[in-house]
Protein backbone atom coordinates (compact mmCIF):
# COMPACT_ATOMS: atom_id res chain seq x y z
CA MET A 1 -54.96 28.83 -30.93
CA LYS A 2 -53.57 27.84 -28.09
CA ALA A 3 -50.41 29.73 -27.99
CA MET A 4 -50.65 33.39 -25.57
CA GLN A 5 -54.09 32.75 -24.17
CA PRO A 6 -54.97 34.24 -20.98
CA ALA A 7 -54.70 31.72 -18.65
CA ALA A 8 -50.57 32.11 -19.83
CA THR A 9 -50.58 35.79 -20.08
CA SER A 10 -52.97 37.25 -17.20
CA ASP A 11 -49.99 38.85 -15.91
CA VAL A 12 -48.96 40.07 -19.22
CA ARG A 13 -51.44 42.97 -18.93
CA ARG A 14 -49.82 43.73 -15.44
CA GLU A 15 -46.27 43.82 -16.84
CA LYS A 16 -47.18 45.98 -19.87
CA THR A 17 -49.03 48.76 -18.83
CA ALA A 18 -45.95 50.30 -17.08
CA ILE A 19 -44.03 50.21 -20.81
CA VAL A 20 -44.95 53.12 -22.50
CA ARG A 21 -42.49 53.91 -25.05
CA TYR A 22 -42.07 57.18 -27.24
CA ARG A 23 -39.45 56.18 -29.75
CA TYR A 24 -38.80 52.94 -31.62
CA SER A 25 -38.06 49.75 -29.25
CA ARG A 26 -34.34 48.89 -29.69
CA PRO A 27 -35.33 45.89 -31.36
CA VAL A 28 -37.33 47.36 -34.16
CA MET A 29 -34.48 50.21 -34.43
CA LEU A 30 -31.85 47.34 -34.97
CA ALA A 31 -34.21 45.99 -37.95
CA LEU A 32 -34.10 49.19 -39.58
CA SER A 33 -30.65 50.03 -39.46
CA HIS A 34 -29.73 46.08 -40.50
CA ALA A 35 -32.87 47.03 -43.47
CA LEU A 36 -34.76 44.03 -42.48
CA ILE A 37 -37.63 46.96 -42.25
CA ALA A 38 -37.70 48.87 -45.01
CA PRO A 39 -40.23 50.44 -47.85
CA GLY A 40 -41.83 47.62 -49.35
CA THR A 41 -41.43 44.85 -46.98
CA SER A 42 -44.42 43.75 -44.56
CA VAL A 43 -44.30 43.40 -40.72
CA PHE A 44 -46.21 41.69 -38.47
CA ASP A 45 -45.79 42.06 -34.47
CA TYR A 46 -46.98 39.08 -32.56
CA GLY A 47 -47.91 40.45 -28.81
CA CYS A 48 -47.32 43.97 -30.26
CA GLY A 49 -48.79 45.64 -26.18
CA ARG A 50 -50.13 48.60 -27.18
CA GLY A 51 -48.91 49.13 -30.39
CA GLU A 52 -45.91 51.64 -30.24
CA ASP A 53 -43.72 50.20 -32.80
CA LEU A 54 -46.87 49.43 -35.06
CA ARG A 55 -47.55 53.35 -34.93
CA TYR A 56 -44.02 54.45 -35.68
CA LEU A 57 -43.31 52.05 -38.31
CA GLN A 58 -46.83 53.07 -40.11
CA SER A 59 -46.32 56.69 -40.15
CA VAL A 60 -43.01 56.63 -41.79
CA GLY A 61 -45.09 54.19 -44.85
CA ILE A 62 -44.15 50.51 -43.65
CA ASP A 63 -46.90 47.99 -43.71
CA ALA A 64 -47.04 47.24 -40.39
CA LYS A 65 -49.75 45.16 -38.38
CA GLY A 66 -49.99 43.44 -34.79
CA TRP A 67 -51.95 41.69 -32.47
CA ASP A 68 -51.80 41.02 -28.81
CA PRO A 69 -54.38 38.67 -26.65
CA HIS A 70 -55.02 41.48 -24.46
CA PHE A 71 -54.65 45.10 -26.25
CA LEU A 72 -55.74 44.23 -29.59
CA PRO A 73 -57.05 40.89 -29.40
CA HIS A 74 -59.80 41.13 -32.37
CA THR A 75 -56.96 41.77 -35.15
CA ALA A 76 -56.09 39.14 -38.01
CA ILE A 77 -53.25 37.25 -37.21
CA GLU A 78 -51.15 36.98 -40.25
CA SER A 79 -48.01 36.21 -42.25
CA ALA A 80 -45.69 38.91 -43.32
CA ASP A 81 -41.98 39.14 -44.32
CA LEU A 82 -40.82 40.05 -40.88
CA VAL A 83 -42.33 38.97 -37.90
CA ASN A 84 -41.66 40.39 -34.55
CA LEU A 85 -42.13 38.37 -31.18
CA GLY A 86 -40.83 41.12 -28.69
CA TYR A 87 -40.91 40.15 -25.38
CA VAL A 88 -43.29 37.52 -25.26
CA LEU A 89 -41.59 34.22 -24.31
CA ASN A 90 -40.25 35.98 -21.01
CA VAL A 91 -44.04 36.17 -20.06
CA ILE A 92 -45.53 32.23 -20.95
CA GLU A 93 -45.38 30.51 -17.89
CA ASP A 94 -46.01 26.77 -19.58
CA PRO A 95 -42.86 25.83 -21.45
CA GLU A 96 -45.01 23.64 -24.26
CA GLU A 97 -47.42 27.12 -25.11
CA ARG A 98 -43.64 29.02 -25.02
CA ARG A 99 -42.72 26.67 -27.63
CA SER A 100 -45.73 26.22 -29.86
CA THR A 101 -45.80 30.04 -29.51
CA LEU A 102 -42.50 30.30 -31.03
CA GLN A 103 -43.07 28.06 -33.77
CA ARG A 104 -46.33 29.74 -34.79
CA ALA A 105 -44.51 32.95 -35.16
CA TYR A 106 -41.96 31.04 -37.28
CA ASP A 107 -44.69 29.84 -39.11
CA LEU A 108 -45.95 33.64 -39.83
CA ALA A 109 -42.60 34.73 -41.32
CA ARG A 110 -42.40 34.91 -44.92
CA ARG A 111 -38.68 36.11 -44.70
CA VAL A 112 -37.32 36.52 -40.91
CA LEU A 113 -38.42 36.32 -37.55
CA MET A 114 -36.98 38.68 -34.85
CA VAL A 115 -37.36 37.21 -31.23
CA THR A 116 -36.34 38.93 -28.59
CA VAL A 117 -36.16 38.18 -24.78
CA ARG A 118 -35.02 39.58 -21.53
CA VAL A 119 -31.46 38.42 -20.85
CA ASP A 120 -30.16 40.77 -18.17
CA ARG A 121 -31.40 39.16 -15.16
CA SER A 122 -31.56 42.39 -13.48
CA LEU A 123 -34.75 41.68 -11.11
CA GLU A 124 -32.77 41.44 -8.12
CA THR A 125 -35.95 41.11 -5.71
CA ALA A 126 -37.33 38.10 -7.81
CA ILE A 127 -38.10 34.83 -6.54
CA GLN A 128 -38.13 31.08 -8.38
CA PHE A 129 -41.16 30.24 -9.90
CA SER A 130 -41.71 27.11 -11.87
CA ASP A 131 -38.51 27.64 -14.58
CA GLY A 132 -38.83 31.69 -14.20
CA VAL A 133 -39.51 34.10 -11.69
CA LEU A 134 -41.97 35.97 -10.06
CA THR A 135 -41.19 39.99 -10.13
CA GLN A 136 -42.60 41.77 -6.94
CA ILE A 137 -45.93 42.73 -8.81
CA GLY A 138 -46.31 39.10 -9.52
CA SER A 139 -45.87 38.96 -13.46
CA PHE A 140 -44.16 35.26 -14.63
CA GLN A 141 -40.51 36.49 -16.25
CA LYS A 142 -38.81 33.02 -17.83
CA LEU A 143 -34.88 34.52 -18.04
CA TYR A 144 -32.75 33.60 -20.38
CA SER A 145 -28.60 33.68 -20.68
CA GLN A 146 -27.71 34.69 -24.17
CA GLY A 147 -26.48 31.29 -24.78
CA GLU A 148 -29.89 29.70 -23.32
CA PHE A 149 -31.63 31.95 -25.78
CA LYS A 150 -30.02 30.98 -28.90
CA GLU A 151 -29.83 26.84 -27.87
CA TYR A 152 -33.72 27.02 -27.32
CA LEU A 153 -34.38 29.38 -30.83
CA GLN A 154 -32.20 26.44 -32.53
CA ASP A 155 -34.10 23.34 -30.68
CA VAL A 156 -37.17 24.40 -31.23
CA LEU A 157 -37.24 25.82 -34.88
CA GLY A 158 -34.22 23.90 -36.30
CA ARG A 159 -32.91 26.54 -37.93
CA ARG A 160 -29.19 28.88 -36.80
CA PRO A 161 -30.03 32.17 -35.27
CA HIS A 162 -28.08 35.03 -36.06
CA MET A 163 -28.03 37.07 -32.66
CA ALA A 164 -28.28 41.03 -33.36
CA ALA A 165 -28.07 41.70 -29.77
CA LEU A 166 -28.40 40.84 -26.15
CA GLY A 167 -31.42 39.35 -26.28
CA ILE A 168 -32.25 39.85 -29.66
CA ALA A 169 -31.83 37.43 -32.88
CA TYR A 170 -32.98 36.51 -36.33
CA VAL A 171 -33.92 33.56 -37.68
CA PHE A 172 -34.31 33.68 -41.22
CA LYS A 173 -36.29 31.66 -44.29
CA ASP A 174 -35.04 33.97 -47.26
CA GLU A 175 -31.66 32.81 -47.97
CA ALA A 176 -31.02 35.87 -50.21
CA LEU A 177 -31.68 38.28 -47.14
CA GLU A 178 -29.52 36.41 -44.98
CA SER A 179 -26.43 36.36 -47.38
CA THR A 180 -27.52 40.30 -47.81
CA TYR A 181 -27.41 40.68 -43.76
CA LEU A 182 -24.16 38.94 -43.62
CA ALA A 183 -22.53 40.74 -45.78
CA SER A 184 -23.69 43.79 -44.34
CA LEU A 185 -22.00 42.93 -41.22
CA VAL A 186 -18.54 42.64 -43.13
CA HIS A 187 -19.19 46.01 -45.31
CA ARG A 188 -19.34 48.24 -42.07
CA ARG A 189 -20.29 52.02 -42.29
CA ILE A 190 -17.25 53.84 -43.53
CA ASP A 191 -16.53 56.70 -40.52
CA SER A 192 -18.05 59.74 -41.93
CA SER A 193 -14.73 61.77 -40.05
CA SER A 194 -12.51 60.36 -42.25
CA VAL A 195 -14.84 61.04 -45.61
CA GLN A 196 -15.19 64.50 -44.13
CA ALA A 197 -11.34 64.85 -43.49
CA MET A 198 -10.61 63.55 -47.32
CA GLU A 199 -13.35 66.21 -48.61
CA GLU A 200 -11.58 68.99 -46.63
CA PHE A 201 -7.90 68.18 -47.39
CA SER A 202 -8.98 67.81 -51.59
CA GLN A 203 -10.59 71.17 -51.25
CA ASP A 204 -7.95 72.86 -49.67
CA PRO A 205 -5.97 75.15 -52.08
CA VAL A 206 -2.43 74.91 -50.71
CA ALA A 207 -3.73 70.55 -50.17
CA GLN A 208 -4.13 70.71 -53.77
CA SER A 209 -0.64 72.02 -54.68
CA TYR A 210 1.04 69.32 -51.92
CA ILE A 211 -1.22 66.66 -53.91
CA SER A 212 0.12 68.00 -57.05
CA LEU A 213 3.59 67.94 -56.25
CA THR A 214 3.30 64.17 -54.73
CA SER A 215 2.49 63.07 -57.82
CA THR A 216 5.29 64.73 -59.99
CA LEU A 217 8.08 63.25 -57.52
CA GLY A 218 5.99 59.97 -57.08
CA ARG A 219 6.48 60.25 -53.29
CA PRO A 220 4.98 62.94 -50.48
CA PRO A 221 7.72 65.70 -50.52
CA ILE A 222 9.39 66.58 -47.46
CA PRO A 223 8.86 70.22 -45.61
CA SER A 224 12.06 71.66 -47.32
CA GLU A 225 10.69 71.30 -50.86
CA PHE A 226 7.13 72.38 -49.90
CA ALA A 227 7.30 75.95 -48.74
CA GLU A 228 3.87 75.85 -47.37
CA TYR A 229 4.01 72.92 -45.60
CA PRO A 230 3.66 74.79 -41.96
CA LEU A 231 0.03 75.85 -43.36
CA LEU A 232 -0.54 71.93 -43.78
CA LEU A 233 0.68 71.71 -40.43
CA ASP A 234 -1.61 73.96 -38.90
CA ARG A 235 -5.05 73.01 -40.92
CA PHE A 236 -4.45 69.02 -41.06
CA GLY A 237 -2.17 68.17 -38.05
CA SER A 238 0.99 65.94 -38.23
CA PRO A 239 3.03 65.20 -40.95
CA ALA A 240 1.94 61.10 -40.59
CA ARG A 241 -1.73 62.36 -40.96
CA ILE A 242 -0.91 64.96 -43.94
CA GLU A 243 0.93 62.22 -45.63
CA ARG A 244 -2.32 59.78 -45.53
CA LEU A 245 -4.23 62.09 -47.02
CA ALA A 246 -2.09 62.80 -50.03
CA HIS A 247 -2.20 59.12 -50.76
CA GLN A 248 -5.63 58.86 -50.67
CA HIS A 249 -5.72 61.13 -53.28
CA SER A 250 -2.52 60.77 -55.28
CA SER A 251 -1.34 56.76 -55.01
CA PRO A 252 -1.53 55.17 -58.29
CA THR A 253 -1.78 52.07 -55.89
CA ALA A 254 -4.95 53.16 -54.30
CA ILE A 255 -6.85 50.96 -56.88
CA GLU A 256 -4.82 47.60 -55.98
CA GLU A 257 -5.09 48.75 -51.99
CA ALA A 258 -9.17 48.95 -52.84
CA GLN A 259 -9.36 45.65 -54.12
CA GLN A 260 -7.32 44.30 -51.83
CA ARG A 261 -10.05 45.26 -49.13
CA ARG A 262 -12.47 44.03 -50.95
CA ARG A 263 -10.92 40.62 -51.38
CA GLU A 264 -10.37 40.88 -47.37
CA ASN A 265 -14.31 41.59 -46.98
CA ILE A 266 -15.13 38.78 -49.30
CA LEU A 267 -12.80 36.42 -47.35
CA THR A 268 -14.89 37.62 -43.83
CA TYR A 269 -17.91 37.17 -45.71
CA ALA A 270 -17.20 33.47 -46.77
CA ALA A 271 -15.47 32.76 -43.32
CA MET A 272 -18.55 34.12 -41.59
CA MET A 273 -20.49 31.68 -43.51
CA LEU A 274 -18.27 28.97 -42.73
CA LEU A 275 -17.99 30.08 -39.05
CA GLN A 276 -21.73 29.52 -38.23
CA GLY A 277 -21.73 26.14 -40.25
CA LEU A 278 -23.85 27.64 -43.28
CA LYS A 279 -23.94 26.42 -46.35
CA PRO A 280 -22.52 28.56 -49.24
CA VAL A 281 -25.42 30.70 -50.47
CA PRO A 282 -26.28 30.24 -54.48
CA PHE A 283 -24.24 32.96 -56.17
CA ARG A 284 -27.37 34.53 -57.92
CA SER A 285 -28.44 34.84 -54.56
CA LEU A 286 -25.77 37.24 -53.63
CA PRO A 287 -25.87 41.07 -53.56
CA GLN A 288 -25.23 42.43 -56.93
CA GLU A 289 -22.26 44.28 -55.58
CA LEU A 290 -20.74 41.33 -54.05
CA GLN A 291 -21.14 39.55 -57.42
CA SER A 292 -19.85 41.73 -59.50
CA ASP A 293 -16.19 41.89 -56.93
CA ILE A 294 -16.13 38.09 -57.12
CA ARG A 295 -16.21 37.96 -60.81
CA MET A 296 -13.43 40.54 -60.61
CA LEU A 297 -11.02 38.97 -57.98
CA TRP A 298 -11.62 35.14 -58.28
CA SER A 299 -11.84 32.74 -61.53
CA SER A 300 -15.14 31.19 -60.22
CA TYR A 301 -17.10 31.67 -56.71
CA ALA A 302 -16.20 27.89 -55.86
CA ASP A 303 -12.46 29.26 -55.73
CA VAL A 304 -13.42 31.82 -52.40
CA PHE A 305 -14.33 29.09 -50.02
CA PRO A 306 -10.85 27.16 -49.95
CA GLU A 307 -9.06 30.81 -49.81
CA ALA A 308 -11.93 31.29 -46.49
CA LYS A 309 -11.20 28.54 -44.86
CA LYS A 310 -7.94 28.80 -44.68
CA PHE A 311 -7.99 32.63 -43.73
CA LEU A 312 -10.45 31.03 -41.03
CA PHE A 313 -8.14 29.22 -39.68
CA GLY A 314 -6.06 32.47 -38.69
CA ILE A 315 -8.36 33.50 -35.90
CA GLY A 316 -7.42 30.37 -33.97
CA ASP A 317 -3.56 31.18 -34.81
CA ALA A 318 -2.76 32.93 -31.56
CA SER A 319 1.28 33.49 -32.92
CA MET A 320 -0.37 35.20 -36.22
CA VAL A 321 -3.40 37.16 -34.08
CA ARG A 322 -0.18 38.61 -32.13
CA ARG A 323 1.60 39.58 -35.10
CA TYR A 324 -1.37 41.56 -37.00
CA CYS A 325 -2.20 43.38 -33.57
CA GLU A 326 1.60 44.39 -33.17
CA THR A 327 1.33 45.53 -36.41
CA SER A 328 -2.03 47.01 -36.96
CA SER A 329 -1.91 50.80 -38.40
CA VAL A 330 -4.36 51.81 -35.76
CA GLY A 331 -4.91 50.77 -32.13
CA LYS A 332 -3.25 51.86 -29.18
CA LYS A 333 -1.01 48.48 -28.53
CA LEU A 334 -0.45 47.19 -25.34
CA PRO A 335 1.66 43.84 -24.48
CA ASP A 336 -1.66 41.89 -23.81
CA ALA A 337 -4.33 43.67 -26.19
CA LEU A 338 -5.28 46.14 -29.23
CA TYR A 339 -7.17 48.89 -28.61
CA VAL A 340 -9.11 50.71 -30.91
CA HIS A 341 -11.88 53.38 -31.50
CA CYS A 342 -15.14 51.87 -33.54
CA SER A 343 -14.94 54.39 -36.21
CA ALA A 344 -11.11 52.85 -37.01
CA GLU A 345 -12.36 49.52 -37.32
CA GLU A 346 -12.29 49.47 -40.55
CA GLN A 347 -8.74 50.00 -40.90
CA LEU A 348 -8.07 46.62 -38.92
CA PRO A 349 -6.48 43.79 -40.81
CA ALA A 350 -9.19 41.53 -41.90
CA VAL A 351 -7.89 38.51 -39.05
CA LEU A 352 -8.86 41.17 -36.22
CA ARG A 353 -12.02 42.06 -38.01
CA LEU A 354 -13.16 38.54 -38.36
CA LEU A 355 -12.21 37.94 -34.70
CA LEU A 356 -14.58 41.14 -33.73
CA PHE A 357 -17.52 39.58 -36.18
CA ALA A 358 -17.06 36.01 -33.95
CA ALA A 359 -17.30 38.20 -30.82
CA ARG A 360 -20.44 39.53 -31.68
CA GLN A 361 -22.06 36.33 -32.67
CA VAL A 362 -21.87 35.98 -29.04
CA VAL A 363 -23.37 38.86 -27.96
CA GLY A 364 -24.98 40.61 -31.06
CA ASP A 365 -24.63 44.77 -31.64
CA LEU A 366 -23.68 46.27 -28.53
CA GLU A 367 -23.47 50.07 -27.97
CA TYR A 368 -19.89 50.62 -27.52
CA ASN A 369 -17.41 52.66 -28.69
CA VAL A 370 -13.88 50.78 -28.17
CA ALA A 371 -12.87 47.29 -28.74
CA LYS A 372 -10.21 45.72 -26.95
CA ILE A 373 -8.66 42.52 -28.84
CA SER A 374 -6.79 40.37 -26.55
CA SER A 375 -3.09 39.52 -28.16
CA ASP A 376 -3.81 36.07 -28.36
CA GLY A 377 -6.88 36.14 -29.88
CA ARG A 378 -9.17 34.03 -27.25
CA SER A 379 -10.83 37.34 -26.00
CA ILE A 380 -12.73 40.29 -27.38
CA SER A 381 -14.19 43.35 -24.86
CA PHE A 382 -16.87 45.55 -25.72
CA LEU A 383 -16.01 49.14 -24.04
CA SER A 384 -18.73 51.78 -23.09
CA TYR A 385 -17.13 55.04 -22.60
CA GLU A 386 -19.41 58.09 -21.82
CA ASN A 387 -19.02 61.03 -24.20
CA PHE A 388 -15.75 59.81 -26.03
CA GLU A 389 -15.43 62.76 -28.19
CA ASP A 390 -16.31 65.62 -25.94
CA ASP A 391 -14.61 64.35 -22.53
CA PRO A 392 -11.10 64.83 -22.56
CA HIS A 393 -10.41 61.62 -20.42
CA PRO A 394 -14.25 59.90 -20.54
CA ILE A 395 -15.05 57.02 -17.79
CA LEU A 396 -16.05 53.63 -18.76
CA LEU A 397 -19.76 52.98 -18.15
CA TYR A 398 -19.27 48.95 -18.83
CA SER A 399 -17.52 46.25 -20.46
CA VAL A 400 -18.74 43.22 -22.08
CA ARG A 401 -15.91 40.88 -22.51
CA VAL A 402 -16.33 37.82 -24.86
CA TYR A 403 -14.21 34.57 -24.13
CA LEU A 404 -14.43 32.92 -27.58
CA PRO A 405 -12.99 29.30 -27.03
CA ARG A 406 -16.68 28.75 -24.62
CA ALA A 407 -18.64 31.38 -26.54
CA GLU A 408 -19.06 32.78 -23.00
CA TYR A 409 -19.23 36.36 -21.88
CA THR A 410 -19.34 38.56 -18.86
CA ILE A 411 -20.87 42.00 -18.16
CA ARG A 412 -19.01 44.88 -15.86
CA ASN A 413 -20.94 47.57 -15.30
CA TYR A 414 -19.19 50.69 -14.01
CA SER A 415 -22.10 53.40 -14.26
CA SER A 416 -22.64 53.68 -10.20
CA SER A 417 -18.95 53.39 -9.32
CA VAL A 418 -17.12 56.27 -7.47
CA ASN A 419 -14.11 55.39 -9.28
CA PRO A 420 -14.61 53.89 -12.18
CA PRO A 421 -11.86 53.61 -14.93
CA ILE A 422 -10.90 56.90 -17.30
CA LEU A 423 -8.88 56.67 -20.75
CA HIS A 424 -5.97 58.76 -21.58
CA ARG A 425 -4.13 59.08 -25.01
CA LYS A 426 -7.42 58.93 -27.41
CA GLU A 427 -5.56 59.78 -30.11
CA LEU A 428 -3.87 56.31 -30.22
CA LEU A 429 -7.31 54.93 -30.35
CA ILE A 430 -8.54 56.46 -33.82
CA ASP A 431 -7.23 56.77 -37.23
CA SER A 432 -5.06 59.80 -38.09
CA LEU A 433 -7.85 61.41 -40.24
CA HIS A 434 -10.12 61.83 -37.34
CA PRO A 435 -10.79 65.36 -37.18
CA MET A 436 -10.33 65.32 -33.54
CA TYR A 437 -7.13 63.35 -33.86
CA ARG A 438 -4.70 66.65 -33.35
CA ILE A 439 -6.73 67.80 -30.29
CA PHE A 440 -6.44 64.39 -28.50
CA ARG A 441 -2.46 64.30 -29.99
CA ASP A 442 -1.62 68.04 -28.32
CA LEU A 443 -3.32 67.52 -25.41
CA SER A 444 -1.27 64.07 -24.70
CA ASP A 445 1.88 65.64 -25.40
CA GLU A 446 1.22 68.77 -23.05
CA GLU A 447 0.58 65.65 -20.33
CA GLU A 448 3.37 63.98 -21.39
CA LYS A 449 5.56 66.94 -20.97
CA LEU A 450 4.38 67.89 -17.36
CA GLY A 451 4.55 64.24 -15.99
CA LEU A 452 1.08 63.77 -15.39
CA LEU A 453 0.74 60.56 -17.40
CA SER A 454 3.67 59.13 -15.58
CA SER A 455 1.69 57.81 -12.61
CA LEU A 456 0.70 54.09 -12.25
CA SER A 457 -2.83 55.35 -10.60
CA ILE A 458 -3.80 57.65 -13.22
CA GLY A 459 -6.29 54.52 -14.85
CA THR A 460 -9.21 55.63 -12.54
CA ARG A 461 -11.11 59.14 -11.70
CA VAL A 462 -9.59 59.05 -8.14
CA GLY A 463 -6.48 58.08 -9.11
CA TRP A 464 -5.82 60.81 -11.99
CA SER A 465 -7.71 63.67 -9.75
CA SER A 466 -4.84 62.88 -7.59
CA VAL A 467 -2.18 63.59 -10.18
CA LEU A 468 -4.17 66.99 -11.31
CA GLU A 469 -4.36 68.42 -8.04
CA GLU A 470 -0.83 67.60 -7.09
CA HIS A 471 0.30 69.20 -10.29
CA GLY A 472 -1.57 72.06 -9.62
CA VAL A 473 -3.80 72.25 -12.80
CA GLU A 474 -6.94 70.93 -14.38
CA ILE A 475 -8.50 69.97 -17.94
CA ASP A 476 -10.70 71.97 -19.29
CA ASP A 477 -12.16 71.11 -22.88
CA HIS A 478 -8.97 69.42 -23.92
CA ARG A 479 -6.89 71.77 -22.82
CA VAL A 480 -4.22 71.71 -19.48
CA MET A 481 -5.04 75.02 -17.46
CA ARG A 482 -3.49 75.96 -14.06
CA LYS A 483 -5.94 75.74 -11.28
CA ALA A 484 -7.34 79.44 -10.26
CA THR A 485 -6.09 78.55 -6.45
CA MET A 486 -2.90 77.90 -7.62
CA LEU A 487 -2.71 81.54 -9.47
CA SER A 488 -1.44 83.78 -6.93
CA ASN A 489 0.68 81.15 -5.06
CA PRO A 490 4.33 82.04 -5.52
CA GLN A 491 5.42 78.48 -5.10
CA MET A 492 3.57 77.46 -8.17
CA PRO A 493 6.22 75.79 -10.70
CA ALA A 494 7.28 78.26 -13.11
CA SER A 495 7.12 75.59 -15.73
CA ILE A 496 3.23 75.60 -15.92
CA PRO A 497 1.66 78.70 -17.90
CA GLU A 498 -1.96 79.87 -17.20
CA GLU A 499 -2.94 77.83 -20.46
CA ILE A 500 -1.01 75.14 -21.58
CA ASN A 501 -2.50 74.23 -25.10
């Protein structure tokens, strides 16, 4: 076999000797999270290096094997349900050998091929060599942009790849598995914090009495109708949050709302397939749960796609996107964008969730916690804030902005910045059922009361520090405190107590 022979990979050994992992690689972790690697499926790692991923997969009962021209050259090359081609294409200098290696890996895959390449272009000291670069240690590296990577896979294999993350793609052979994967992207995991809040509310004796009275009245009681209302406020936060929790447990329209959510999810799923130019998956190949929902909500499977096509057009209608941003039940609303924490994405209108999906088709899954949706629907930014829940005003580590009309993205890295952007009013980004909602809201209320949020300079760490210094306060564990140096200052404003909470 010509692919991956020593003539093209003699430098691979020098590159790989420095790579020793003590956990799954990111591609394998993604495949596990997407259930593409699971008990009962076989995995073959084509170019497995020292075999770290193989050992981890084998340790949890996965049938995993691999081959590498340097570290495991004598093992058999064989087919498997999932074939992993990880960081191999980057190090093959000969373009023809690169293509044949990719095709060979695809031929070995029975259900899906996973391909990973370097796309970060972070080798700043590298020099141009052929159609790639030579690193300082002399190893060849063919670098890709995300767009180039996607086009290359489609050109060589003739199949549309799914971008799972930056530099990570799935190319499916099994239509049923592809359908299940797409469906899983629509039915994103429900935030466990919301489930926890609902469980706590249903088990609280005072809340049970409130739910009972709600059912009797046919509406949530006003405070004067429920003597123990102050206890509910103390335990569960704002009136709006209490009303939502009660609604979850007592509303006669809850089933209708759940069905509407399922309908939107199925339309989103069908629109995703249309967006990617994929043919409808045969009904019998759909997950059983999806088949049941379609039977319940439509007279036939064929009726789904005309409706999905109209639904898909909604993401190109700027006025419609703006209206959904303005009327969304969750998110921080600014004139030009809607900001929402990832835990609250399920609460977004379906059109906005479809926009997020479209953006993920460009960059794949990213490690982020806040999404910014432009009001015209043309761009989506995935923002990663450090310690979102624990830090009262977390700093922005990086942002990935996807410009949808051209399927392009840009990355801004603030991790080494001395004055990065920071976040305020975190409660506006999350669902009111989030267990930290009240803590975030109370902090913002106190900051507002003291005039800390009125300055235009608070958007960066240096500006915010200056405002805190000017007012003689500091933030400790989501509480506003007087600075110790101010305690003995007779000129300190009397309106600032030792602890404000």
